[in-house]
Protein backbone atom coordinates (compact mmCIF):
# COMPACT_ATOMS: atom_id res chain seq x y z
CA UNK A 1 88.24 20.18 -67.80
CA UNK A 2 86.19 18.74 -64.56
CA UNK A 3 87.71 18.85 -61.25
CA UNK A 4 88.09 15.72 -61.51
CA UNK A 5 88.90 15.28 -57.34
CA UNK A 6 85.55 16.91 -56.78
CA UNK A 7 83.67 14.84 -59.17
CA UNK A 8 85.32 11.48 -57.44
CA UNK A 9 83.95 12.39 -54.24
CA UNK A 10 80.62 11.30 -55.52
CA UNK A 11 81.56 8.04 -56.70
CA UNK A 12 81.94 5.93 -57.27
CA UNK A 13 79.20 6.10 -60.03
CA UNK A 14 77.61 3.66 -63.25
CA UNK A 15 78.88 5.22 -66.87
CA UNK A 16 74.72 6.41 -67.50
CA UNK A 17 75.17 8.08 -64.85
CA UNK A 18 78.30 10.06 -65.55
CA UNK A 19 77.88 10.37 -68.57
CA UNK A 20 73.69 12.38 -67.64
CA UNK A 21 76.08 14.51 -66.47
CA UNK A 22 76.40 16.33 -69.52
CA UNK A 23 73.97 14.37 -71.27
CA UNK A 24 71.87 17.53 -73.06
CA UNK A 25 76.33 17.88 -74.47
CA UNK A 26 76.56 16.24 -78.28
CA UNK A 27 74.64 13.58 -80.51
CA UNK A 28 74.43 10.45 -81.86
CA UNK A 29 75.48 8.92 -78.45
CA UNK A 30 73.44 7.25 -75.16
CA UNK A 31 74.42 7.82 -71.76
CA UNK A 32 76.11 4.94 -71.23
CA UNK A 33 78.21 5.87 -74.24
CA UNK A 34 78.84 9.51 -72.66
CA UNK A 35 80.12 8.62 -69.85
CA UNK A 36 83.11 6.25 -71.13
CA UNK A 37 84.09 9.40 -73.72
CA UNK A 38 84.27 11.73 -69.96
CA UNK A 39 86.19 8.88 -68.52
CA UNK A 40 88.37 8.63 -71.44
CA UNK A 41 89.29 12.02 -70.84
CA UNK A 42 89.80 12.47 -67.35
CA UNK A 43 92.27 8.86 -67.90
CA UNK A 44 94.24 11.02 -70.58
CA UNK A 45 94.42 14.05 -68.15
CA UNK A 46 94.75 12.16 -64.82
CA UNK A 47 96.37 8.63 -65.69
CA UNK A 48 94.87 5.40 -66.89
CA UNK A 49 93.95 3.60 -63.74
CA UNK A 50 91.27 6.53 -62.55
CA UNK A 51 88.75 4.24 -64.03
CA UNK A 52 88.66 2.14 -61.36
CA UNK A 53 88.68 4.50 -58.85
CA UNK A 54 85.38 6.65 -60.27
CA UNK A 55 83.57 3.99 -61.43
CA UNK A 56 81.20 1.01 -60.71
CA UNK A 57 78.77 -0.94 -61.95
CA UNK A 58 74.77 0.20 -61.35
CA UNK A 59 73.87 -2.22 -58.34
CA UNK A 60 76.99 -0.18 -56.56
CA UNK A 61 76.26 3.36 -58.31
CA UNK A 62 76.41 5.84 -55.19
CA UNK A 63 74.23 8.59 -57.74
CA UNK A 64 71.10 5.62 -59.36
CA UNK A 65 71.73 3.10 -56.24
CA UNK A 66 71.29 0.25 -59.18
CA UNK A 67 67.78 2.49 -60.83
CA UNK A 68 69.92 1.95 -64.12
CA UNK A 69 70.09 -2.12 -63.99
CA UNK A 70 66.34 -1.60 -63.22
CA UNK A 71 65.32 -0.34 -66.92
CA UNK A 72 64.43 -3.82 -68.59
CA UNK A 73 62.05 -4.56 -65.52
CA UNK A 74 60.78 -1.50 -65.89
CA UNK A 75 59.58 -2.39 -68.75
CA UNK A 76 58.23 -5.77 -68.27
CA UNK A 77 55.62 -4.53 -65.96
CA UNK A 78 55.01 -1.08 -68.00
CA UNK A 79 54.39 -3.71 -70.94
CA UNK A 80 52.32 -6.32 -68.58
CA UNK A 81 50.08 -3.63 -67.22
CA UNK A 82 49.33 -1.85 -70.67
CA UNK A 83 48.93 -4.98 -72.88
CA UNK A 84 45.47 -5.50 -70.76
CA UNK A 85 44.05 -2.18 -72.37
CA UNK A 86 43.28 -2.03 -75.89
CA UNK A 87 45.21 1.76 -76.93
CA UNK A 88 47.04 3.11 -79.84
CA UNK A 89 49.46 5.29 -77.85
CA UNK A 90 51.36 5.83 -74.20
CA UNK A 91 54.00 7.92 -72.40
CA UNK A 92 55.86 7.02 -69.56
CA UNK A 93 56.18 8.98 -66.14
CA UNK A 94 58.14 7.62 -63.26
CA UNK A 95 58.57 8.35 -59.50
CA UNK A 96 61.97 8.21 -58.22
CA UNK A 97 63.03 8.69 -54.08
CA UNK A 98 63.79 11.98 -53.44
CA UNK A 99 67.30 11.64 -52.27
CA UNK A 100 68.83 10.33 -55.87
CA UNK A 101 67.62 13.48 -57.29
CA UNK A 102 68.69 15.32 -55.05
CA UNK A 103 71.90 13.97 -55.28
CA UNK A 104 72.04 13.89 -58.90
CA UNK A 105 71.67 17.49 -59.01
CA UNK A 106 73.93 18.15 -56.51
CA UNK A 107 76.64 16.04 -58.43
CA UNK A 108 75.20 17.56 -62.04
CA UNK A 109 76.11 20.94 -60.69
CA UNK A 110 79.67 20.65 -60.66
CA UNK A 111 79.71 19.90 -64.26
CA UNK A 112 78.35 22.87 -65.39
CA UNK A 113 74.40 24.81 -65.17
CA UNK A 114 72.35 22.90 -67.80
CA UNK A 115 74.70 20.37 -68.71
CA UNK A 116 72.66 17.41 -67.47
CA UNK A 117 69.73 15.43 -67.66
CA UNK A 118 67.49 14.59 -65.10
CA UNK A 119 67.90 10.97 -64.51
CA UNK A 120 63.95 10.64 -64.78
CA UNK A 121 64.01 11.88 -68.19
CA UNK A 122 66.38 8.87 -69.01
CA UNK A 123 64.09 6.74 -67.11
CA UNK A 124 61.03 7.92 -69.32
CA UNK A 125 62.83 7.20 -72.35
CA UNK A 126 64.37 4.50 -72.53
CA UNK A 127 61.50 2.22 -70.48
CA UNK A 128 59.07 3.98 -73.51
CA UNK A 129 61.64 2.48 -76.26
CA UNK A 130 61.77 -0.53 -74.46
CA UNK A 131 57.44 -0.82 -74.35
CA UNK A 132 56.92 0.27 -78.37
CA UNK A 133 59.94 -2.47 -79.19
CA UNK A 134 57.49 -5.14 -77.18
CA UNK A 135 54.42 -3.50 -77.68
CA UNK A 136 54.50 -1.82 -80.82
CA UNK A 137 52.42 0.84 -80.03
CA UNK A 138 53.67 4.49 -79.98
CA UNK A 139 54.88 6.78 -77.23
CA UNK A 140 53.28 9.64 -78.08
CA UNK A 141 53.61 12.89 -75.16
CA UNK A 142 50.78 14.80 -76.25
CA UNK A 143 47.30 13.38 -75.45
CA UNK A 144 48.30 9.59 -75.72
CA UNK A 145 46.18 6.91 -75.12
CA UNK A 146 47.03 5.96 -71.79
CA UNK A 147 50.31 7.18 -69.10
CA UNK A 148 51.62 4.23 -67.44
CA UNK A 149 53.22 6.17 -63.66
CA UNK A 150 56.07 3.12 -62.77
CA UNK A 151 57.35 4.27 -59.00
CA UNK A 152 61.01 3.18 -59.24
CA UNK A 153 60.36 2.49 -55.29
CA UNK A 154 57.93 -0.08 -55.04
CA UNK A 155 57.88 -1.36 -58.32
CA UNK A 156 54.51 -0.62 -59.03
CA UNK A 157 52.96 0.37 -62.19
CA UNK A 158 49.62 3.26 -61.57
CA UNK A 159 47.85 3.35 -65.17
CA UNK A 160 45.84 6.57 -65.50
CA UNK A 161 43.39 5.63 -69.24
CA UNK A 162 42.18 8.35 -71.12
CA UNK A 163 38.07 7.87 -71.15
CA UNK A 164 36.51 7.68 -74.87
CA UNK A 165 34.20 10.33 -75.54
CA UNK A 166 30.89 9.00 -77.35
CA UNK A 167 28.20 11.63 -79.05
CA UNK A 168 24.76 11.44 -80.18
CA UNK A 169 21.49 12.37 -79.92
CA UNK A 170 18.67 10.60 -77.81
CA UNK A 171 14.89 10.83 -77.71
CA UNK A 172 13.25 9.66 -74.50
CA UNK A 173 9.59 8.20 -74.50
CA UNK A 174 9.27 6.58 -71.34
CA UNK A 175 8.00 9.11 -68.85
CA UNK A 176 9.02 6.96 -65.49
CA UNK A 177 12.45 7.30 -66.40
CA UNK A 178 14.89 10.58 -65.18
CA UNK A 179 17.70 11.34 -68.01
CA UNK A 180 20.56 10.33 -65.61
CA UNK A 181 21.30 7.61 -62.65
CA UNK A 182 19.30 9.05 -59.19
CA UNK A 183 21.01 7.50 -56.53
CA UNK A 184 17.98 6.49 -53.39
CA UNK A 185 17.86 9.48 -50.85
CA UNK A 186 18.17 6.89 -48.04
CA UNK A 187 20.66 5.00 -49.05
CA UNK A 188 22.79 6.88 -50.65
CA UNK A 189 23.60 4.53 -53.61
CA UNK A 190 24.50 1.68 -51.24
CA UNK A 191 21.23 -0.32 -51.31
CA UNK A 192 18.52 -0.59 -49.24
CA UNK A 193 14.91 -1.92 -47.93
CA UNK A 194 13.42 1.19 -49.73
CA UNK A 195 14.87 0.83 -53.22
CA UNK A 196 15.53 -2.69 -52.84
CA UNK A 197 19.00 -3.11 -52.81
CA UNK A 198 19.52 -1.28 -56.44
CA UNK A 199 20.75 2.13 -54.57
CA UNK A 200 18.70 3.64 -57.37
CA UNK A 201 15.40 5.94 -56.79
CA UNK A 202 14.63 4.65 -60.26
CA UNK A 203 15.52 1.35 -61.47
CA UNK A 204 16.38 2.64 -65.17
CA UNK A 205 18.02 6.05 -66.56
CA UNK A 206 18.23 6.91 -70.61
CA UNK A 207 22.00 6.67 -69.17
CA UNK A 208 21.38 3.34 -68.12
CA UNK A 209 19.57 2.64 -71.33
CA UNK A 210 22.21 3.53 -73.19
CA UNK A 211 25.81 3.12 -71.07
CA UNK A 212 24.95 -0.59 -70.23
CA UNK A 213 25.92 -1.31 -73.65
CA UNK A 214 28.92 0.79 -74.04
CA UNK A 215 30.38 -0.61 -71.08
CA UNK A 216 29.74 -4.35 -72.32
CA UNK A 217 31.38 -3.31 -75.58
CA UNK A 218 34.93 -1.18 -74.49
CA UNK A 219 34.74 -3.21 -71.01
CA UNK A 220 34.56 0.40 -68.77
CA UNK A 221 34.55 0.38 -65.43
CA UNK A 222 32.49 2.72 -64.95
CA UNK A 223 30.53 6.27 -67.52
CA UNK A 224 29.64 9.64 -66.58
CA UNK A 225 26.65 11.34 -68.48
CA UNK A 226 27.24 14.96 -70.43
CA UNK A 227 23.39 15.73 -71.56
CA UNK A 228 22.86 19.21 -73.59
CA UNK A 229 20.26 20.47 -70.65
CA UNK A 230 17.88 18.06 -69.32
CA UNK A 231 13.82 17.68 -69.48
CA UNK A 232 11.76 16.57 -66.56
CA UNK A 233 11.35 12.62 -65.56
CA UNK A 234 7.94 12.63 -66.98
CA UNK A 235 8.06 14.68 -70.12
CA UNK A 236 8.77 13.24 -73.19
CA UNK A 237 12.24 14.24 -75.64
CA UNK A 238 10.86 13.90 -79.31
CA UNK A 239 11.77 15.55 -82.56
CA UNK A 240 15.78 14.70 -83.67
CA UNK A 241 16.50 14.73 -79.84
CA UNK A 242 18.66 15.61 -77.34
CA UNK A 243 22.50 16.13 -78.11
CA UNK A 244 24.79 14.12 -75.26
CA UNK A 245 28.49 12.88 -74.45
CA UNK A 246 28.99 9.30 -72.68
CA UNK A 247 32.05 9.02 -70.99
CA UNK A 248 33.69 6.17 -70.32
CA UNK A 249 36.74 5.70 -68.15
CA UNK A 250 39.07 3.24 -68.30
CA UNK A 251 38.49 1.27 -70.87
CA UNK A 252 40.40 -1.92 -72.02
CA UNK A 253 38.38 -1.60 -75.67
CA UNK A 254 38.30 1.60 -77.61
CA UNK A 255 37.52 0.45 -81.35
CA UNK A 256 34.03 -0.19 -81.08
CA UNK A 257 31.20 -0.23 -83.86
CA UNK A 258 28.77 2.90 -82.88
CA UNK A 259 26.02 1.91 -85.54
CA UNK A 260 25.61 -1.95 -84.24
CA UNK A 261 25.49 -0.92 -80.81
CA UNK A 262 23.22 2.10 -80.93
CA UNK A 263 20.72 -0.93 -83.17
CA UNK A 264 20.80 -3.02 -80.45
CA UNK A 265 19.81 -0.24 -78.13
CA UNK A 266 17.15 0.75 -79.85
CA UNK A 267 15.51 -2.50 -80.35
CA UNK A 268 16.36 -3.44 -76.41
CA UNK A 269 14.53 -0.09 -76.05
CA UNK A 270 11.89 0.15 -77.65
CA UNK A 271 8.89 2.66 -77.32
CA UNK A 272 11.54 4.04 -74.34
CA UNK A 273 14.55 5.49 -75.83
CA UNK A 274 16.50 5.66 -78.87
CA UNK A 275 19.47 6.56 -79.78
CA UNK A 276 21.36 8.38 -82.91
CA UNK A 277 24.16 10.46 -84.48
CA UNK A 278 26.65 8.46 -82.87
CA UNK A 279 29.51 9.15 -83.14
CA UNK A 280 33.43 9.03 -81.29
CA UNK A 281 34.46 12.90 -79.73
CA UNK A 282 37.17 14.36 -77.81
CA UNK A 283 36.90 15.44 -73.88
CA UNK A 284 36.68 19.21 -75.04
CA UNK A 285 33.24 18.63 -76.78
CA UNK A 286 31.42 18.09 -73.41
CA UNK A 287 32.50 21.77 -72.30
CA UNK A 288 31.09 22.42 -75.86
CA UNK A 289 28.36 20.59 -75.07
CA UNK A 290 27.01 21.92 -71.56
CA UNK A 291 27.93 25.67 -73.10
CA UNK A 292 25.41 25.29 -75.57
CA UNK A 293 22.46 26.80 -75.42
CA UNK A 294 19.39 27.10 -77.82
CA UNK A 295 15.30 27.88 -77.90
CA UNK A 296 13.06 24.96 -77.85
CA UNK A 297 9.37 24.17 -78.25
CA UNK A 298 7.07 22.25 -76.17
CA UNK A 299 4.00 20.99 -76.53
CA UNK A 300 1.58 20.98 -73.29
CA UNK A 301 -1.11 19.45 -72.52
CA UNK A 302 -2.91 22.04 -70.36
CA UNK A 303 -6.33 21.46 -67.51
CA UNK A 304 -8.43 24.70 -67.59
CA UNK A 305 -11.83 25.88 -66.16
CA UNK A 306 -14.35 24.42 -68.03
CA UNK A 307 -16.04 28.15 -68.00
CA UNK A 308 -12.66 29.70 -69.66
CA UNK A 309 -13.62 30.95 -73.01
CA UNK A 310 -11.61 30.35 -76.37
CA UNK A 311 -11.50 34.04 -77.08
CA UNK A 312 -9.59 34.86 -73.54
CA UNK A 313 -7.70 31.77 -73.90
CA UNK A 314 -6.21 33.41 -77.28
CA UNK A 315 -6.13 36.75 -75.46
CA UNK A 316 -3.44 35.54 -72.64
CA UNK A 317 -1.30 33.11 -75.28
CA UNK A 318 -0.63 36.46 -77.56
CA UNK A 319 0.08 38.87 -74.22
CA UNK A 320 2.63 35.49 -73.50
CA UNK A 321 4.06 35.70 -77.28
CA UNK A 322 6.81 37.74 -77.71
CA UNK A 323 6.98 39.04 -74.12
CA UNK A 324 9.83 39.21 -71.64
CA UNK A 325 8.69 37.35 -68.09
CA UNK A 326 10.50 37.19 -64.65
CA UNK A 327 10.84 33.52 -63.18
CA UNK A 328 12.14 33.26 -59.97
CA UNK A 329 13.47 29.24 -59.40
CA UNK A 330 9.93 27.51 -59.05
CA UNK A 331 9.47 25.87 -55.77
CA UNK A 332 9.33 22.24 -56.59
CA UNK A 333 13.84 22.95 -58.02
CA UNK A 334 14.13 25.65 -54.34
CA UNK A 335 15.62 23.27 -52.70
CA UNK A 336 18.97 22.62 -54.98
CA UNK A 337 19.23 25.53 -56.85
CA UNK A 338 19.78 29.08 -56.13
CA UNK A 339 16.97 31.43 -55.09
CA UNK A 340 17.53 33.92 -58.10
CA UNK A 341 14.77 35.96 -60.77
CA UNK A 342 15.72 35.05 -64.11
CA UNK A 343 13.82 37.05 -66.77
CA UNK A 344 13.04 34.84 -70.06
CA UNK A 345 12.13 36.00 -73.63
CA UNK A 346 8.51 33.66 -74.39
CA UNK A 347 8.95 33.73 -78.26
CA UNK A 348 5.28 32.32 -79.07
CA UNK A 349 2.29 30.77 -77.21
CA UNK A 350 -0.18 28.81 -79.80
CA UNK A 351 -2.66 27.02 -78.74
CA UNK A 352 -3.62 24.03 -81.11
CA UNK A 353 -6.98 22.31 -79.48
CA UNK A 354 -9.43 23.07 -76.37
CA UNK A 355 -11.48 20.04 -75.73
CA UNK A 356 -13.63 19.69 -72.35
CA UNK A 357 -11.13 22.29 -70.19
CA UNK A 358 -8.35 21.11 -71.57
CA UNK A 359 -6.12 22.77 -73.78
CA UNK A 360 -3.04 21.84 -76.22
CA UNK A 361 -0.28 24.63 -76.30
CA UNK A 362 2.96 24.79 -78.41
CA UNK A 363 5.55 27.02 -77.14
CA UNK A 364 8.26 27.98 -78.19
CA UNK A 365 10.72 30.11 -75.35
CA UNK A 366 14.22 31.30 -74.23
CA UNK A 367 16.62 27.74 -73.18
CA UNK A 368 15.77 28.04 -69.02
CA UNK A 369 12.48 28.67 -69.32
CA UNK A 370 9.95 26.67 -66.95
CA UNK A 371 7.25 25.49 -68.97
CA UNK A 372 5.42 24.18 -65.68
CA UNK A 373 5.41 27.89 -63.80
CA UNK A 374 5.01 29.61 -67.00
CA UNK A 375 1.51 27.91 -67.18
CA UNK A 376 0.60 28.09 -63.65
CA UNK A 377 2.10 31.18 -62.27
CA UNK A 378 4.26 28.80 -58.92
CA UNK A 379 1.48 31.30 -56.49
CA UNK A 380 3.02 34.55 -58.01
CA UNK A 381 6.71 33.66 -58.57
CA UNK A 382 6.82 33.18 -62.70
CA UNK A 383 5.21 36.88 -63.95
CA UNK A 384 2.71 37.09 -65.71
CA UNK A 385 1.37 33.56 -66.63
CA UNK A 386 -1.12 31.80 -68.31
CA UNK A 387 -3.21 31.38 -64.95
CA UNK A 388 -2.50 34.61 -64.35
CA UNK A 389 -3.63 36.19 -67.49
CA UNK A 390 -7.01 34.37 -67.71
CA UNK A 391 -7.27 34.77 -64.02
CA UNK A 392 -8.30 31.10 -63.64
CA UNK A 393 -5.77 28.18 -62.10
CA UNK A 394 -3.69 26.56 -65.19
CA UNK A 395 -1.69 23.58 -64.76
CA UNK A 396 0.96 21.23 -67.34
CA UNK A 397 -0.67 17.79 -67.22
CA UNK A 398 1.44 16.52 -70.12
CA UNK A 399 5.38 18.20 -71.43
CA UNK A 400 6.94 16.97 -74.36
CA UNK A 401 9.92 18.28 -75.38
CA UNK A 402 8.90 19.10 -79.45
CA UNK A 403 12.54 20.60 -80.40
CA UNK A 404 15.90 21.72 -78.98
CA UNK A 405 16.71 25.02 -82.16
CA UNK A 406 20.65 24.47 -81.80
CA UNK A 407 20.54 26.76 -85.43
CA UNK A 408 20.14 29.58 -83.24
CA UNK A 409 22.32 28.11 -80.59
CA UNK A 410 24.71 30.76 -79.12
CA UNK A 411 27.88 29.65 -76.58
CA UNK A 412 27.80 30.72 -72.82
CA UNK A 413 31.50 30.99 -71.07
CA UNK A 414 31.14 29.93 -67.46
């Protein structure tokens, strides 16, 4: 039998806190019922008046200090917060005053280690049951749509809403827009005269043109765009498109008609971008996409000296085909990327046409190859280059990405 005198030194306490001290004992009882049963055992041994000395209403309880009686209030404020979002599952978490937790641990130690249940566990469970009864939304411990953190000290609820992730492929035909939003260099996105108070270097981007409709449909607060690589601003993305995942943060609506949204995006942005293959995916898909690399095929319009013959150009492209080149980080991106030398395999370079100093080339190369520098040489930072092999300056004037060879993709971790 427990030391009743020592137990009483922590009192008075409510039935729930008493029962929670042995909350891991027995089945089919809640903590209040356990407390009543435990007190009955005390009274059998110590006398019938013991209950009046040890127990009290929750508000006067020396352990929970009235928290247990606040559960209905916590259910109400949690339900109100969660009802603003269209969710299929939720989880409850609580923040409890440190002094209450420390006092409870000390109290429960009288009954023996491993018998008691933490007050946070009871609060989470009973608030969760109450919210389920009010909203009819499933309580889920693993990967719920929303987590409601109830701060019992201040009667507030903070919601953690799981992002929505929409995967698809995009084509870009407009050579004046970047892949992602590009904050103004002068005002850092705040808005100034140079950016016409847009906060952006470019008014539109692939991200903004796609995300706008999804933000509207999901009532999300913001978005992030995760692309499988990127093309230059003035390069088109053709073929079957470039895979991407659009992350929608704190969505109020989770059910969207992806097909109709895609059709609307394509209709409004005809001739600029196009989206296909839209589907919802888990968060893990972002990392998978970022770590997927593949060979790419490009079409390049290259200006060359009028004096270069087709034979000389053929010899140069043949020497590049199947070659492993050394590419030092290009001058144009050296301010934002590490200065490294990377070997890159050039699968082939084919000449499609040569007309009046303009050659059309098709190039298939390993991921991460800088095609403009493959052609120009970037003052020797790419070796060999088409310019060095034909011994004359060559420059990419127009660049298109024709295909990402995902069937031959490999995975890199890290």
